[in-house]
C-alpha atoms as a PDB file:
ATOM      1  CA  MET A   1     -45.028  59.442 -35.015  1.00  0.00           C
ATOM      2  CA  GLN A   2     -47.859  58.543 -32.660  1.00  0.00           C
ATOM      3  CA  ALA A   3     -47.840  54.927 -33.870  1.00  0.00           C
ATOM      4  CA  ILE A   4     -44.135  54.643 -33.061  1.00  0.00           C
ATOM      5  CA  GLN A   5     -44.747  55.940 -29.532  1.00  0.00           C
ATOM      6  CA  VAL A   6     -47.564  53.445 -29.001  1.00  0.00           C
ATOM      7  CA  GLY A   7     -45.328  50.677 -30.326  1.00  0.00           C
ATOM      8  CA  ASN A   8     -42.568  51.686 -27.902  1.00  0.00           C
ATOM      9  CA  MET A   9     -45.025  51.753 -25.005  1.00  0.00           C
ATOM     10  CA  VAL A  10     -46.254  48.263 -25.893  1.00  0.00           C
ATOM     11  CA  ALA A  11     -42.686  46.983 -26.173  1.00  0.00           C
ATOM     12  CA  THR A  12     -41.768  48.548 -22.821  1.00  0.00           C
ATOM     13  CA  GLU A  13     -44.807  46.931 -21.194  1.00  0.00           C
ATOM     14  CA  GLN A  14     -43.873  43.570 -22.699  1.00  0.00           C
ATOM     15  CA  VAL A  15     -40.353  43.818 -21.277  1.00  0.00           C
ATOM     16  CA  ALA A  16     -41.735  44.701 -17.832  1.00  0.00           C
ATOM     17  CA  GLN A  17     -44.172  41.780 -17.975  1.00  0.00           C
ATOM     18  CA  THR A  18     -41.388  39.413 -19.038  1.00  0.00           C
ATOM     19  CA  GLN A  19     -39.235  40.546 -16.118  1.00  0.00           C
ATOM     20  CA  LYS A  20     -42.115  40.011 -13.693  1.00  0.00           C
ATOM     21  CA  LEU A  21     -42.696  36.547 -15.148  1.00  0.00           C
ATOM     22  CA  ARG A  22     -39.018  35.685 -14.683  1.00  0.00           C
ATOM     23  CA  GLN A  23     -39.164  36.816 -11.063  1.00  0.00           C
ATOM     24  CA  LEU A  24     -42.309  34.770 -10.484  1.00  0.00           C
ATOM     25  CA  MET A  25     -40.714  31.700 -12.021  1.00  0.00           C
ATOM     26  CA  ALA A  26     -37.604  32.127  -9.850  1.00  0.00           C
ATOM     27  CA  THR A  27     -39.805  32.424  -6.765  1.00  0.00           C
ATOM     28  CA  GLN A  28     -41.688  29.273  -7.799  1.00  0.00           C
ATOM     29  CA  ILE A  29     -38.449  27.345  -8.298  1.00  0.00           C
ATOM     30  CA  ASN A  30     -37.136  28.492  -4.910  1.00  0.00           C
ATOM     31  CA  ALA A  31     -40.367  27.411  -3.214  1.00  0.00           C
ATOM     32  CA  GLN A  32     -40.214  24.004  -4.895  1.00  0.00           C
ATOM     33  CA  ASN A  33     -36.579  23.570  -3.879  1.00  0.00           C
ATOM     34  CA  ALA A  34     -37.390  24.460  -0.270  1.00  0.00           C
ATOM     35  CA  TYR A  35     -40.278  21.988  -0.266  1.00  0.00           C
ATOM     36  CA  MET A  36     -38.141  19.207  -1.716  1.00  0.00           C
ATOM     37  CA  ALA A  37     -35.333  19.914   0.765  1.00  0.00           C
ATOM     38  CA  HIS A  38     -37.859  19.659   3.590  1.00  0.00           C
ATOM     39  CA  GLN A  39     -39.175  16.359   2.210  1.00  0.00           C
ATOM     40  CA  VAL A  40     -35.657  14.936   1.910  1.00  0.00           C
ATOM     41  CA  SER A  41     -34.894  16.061   5.454  1.00  0.00           C
ATOM     42  CA  GLN A  42     -38.035  14.361   6.786  1.00  0.00           C
ATOM     43  CA  GLU A  43     -37.216  11.149   4.926  1.00  0.00           C
ATOM     44  CA  ALA A  44     -33.644  11.188   6.244  1.00  0.00           C
ATOM     45  CA  GLN A  45     -34.914  11.705   9.789  1.00  0.00           C
ATOM     46  CA  ALA A  46     -37.389   8.846   9.405  1.00  0.00           C
ATOM     47  CA  GLN A  47     -34.601   6.603   8.105  1.00  0.00           C
ATOM     48  CA  ALA A  48     -32.325   7.585  10.984  1.00  0.00           C
ATOM     49  CA  ASN A  49     -35.108   6.864  13.466  1.00  0.00           C
ATOM     50  CA  THR A  50     -35.682   3.450  11.912  1.00  0.00           C
ATOM     51  CA  GLU A  51     -31.986   2.621  11.984  1.00  0.00           C
ATOM     52  CA  TYR A  52     -31.727   3.762  15.596  1.00  0.00           C
ATOM     53  CA  PHE A  53     -34.744   1.645  16.540  1.00  0.00           C
ATOM     54  CA  TYR A  54     -33.195  -1.483  15.071  1.00  0.00           C
ATOM     55  CA  GLU A  55     -29.801  -0.791  16.636  1.00  0.00           C
ATOM     56  CA  ILE A  56     -31.191  -0.744  20.180  1.00  0.00           C
ATOM     57  CA  GLU A  57     -29.950  -3.766  22.039  1.00  0.00           C
ATOM     58  CA  VAL A  58     -32.835  -5.889  23.256  1.00  0.00           C
ATOM     59  CA  GLU A  59     -32.321  -8.090  26.258  1.00  0.00           C
ATOM     60  CA  THR A  60     -33.196 -11.723  25.710  1.00  0.00           C
ATOM     61  CA  PRO A  61     -33.765 -14.589  28.157  1.00  0.00           C
ATOM     62  CA  GLU A  62     -30.118 -15.574  27.601  1.00  0.00           C
ATOM     63  CA  ASP A  63     -29.121 -12.280  29.240  1.00  0.00           C
ATOM     64  CA  TYR A  64     -30.675 -13.528  32.468  1.00  0.00           C
ATOM     65  CA  GLY A  65     -29.223 -17.022  32.427  1.00  0.00           C
ATOM     66  CA  GLN A  66     -31.106 -20.312  32.445  1.00  0.00           C
ATOM     67  CA  SER A  67     -33.503 -19.292  35.191  1.00  0.00           C
ATOM     68  CA  GLY A  68     -35.557 -17.230  32.754  1.00  0.00           C
ATOM     69  CA  PHE A  69     -37.446 -14.053  33.543  1.00  0.00           C
ATOM     70  CA  ASN A  70     -38.460 -13.272  37.065  1.00  0.00           C
ATOM     71  CA  ALA A  71     -38.605 -10.061  39.047  1.00  0.00           C
ATOM     72  CA  ASP A  72     -35.361 -10.702  40.946  1.00  0.00           C
ATOM     73  CA  ASN A  73     -33.360 -11.348  37.787  1.00  0.00           C
ATOM     74  CA  ILE A  74     -34.807  -8.374  35.954  1.00  0.00           C
ATOM     75  CA  PHE A  75     -34.296  -5.843  38.728  1.00  0.00           C
ATOM     76  CA  SER A  76     -30.859  -7.083  39.723  1.00  0.00           C
ATOM     77  CA  HIS A  77     -29.741  -6.876  36.108  1.00  0.00           C
ATOM     78  CA  MET A  78     -30.911  -3.260  35.830  1.00  0.00           C
ATOM     79  CA  GLN A  79     -28.902  -2.039  38.808  1.00  0.00           C
END
């Protein structure tokens, strides 16, 4: 009878340990998913910044006519 009780106690402890392990694994997976989501978000932001940078319209000498760059042309164009 005592051996059966010890066996049941061991089995109960094994079940409890298995449940704790499952919870730990779920926590690990959630942490990894959060990390990966953060990485993807950072990469998307970096890509958006790059695309925005290259979409900015840069003024060229043609924007100021044949006279080229000088202070009068630059400041009058900005107003």
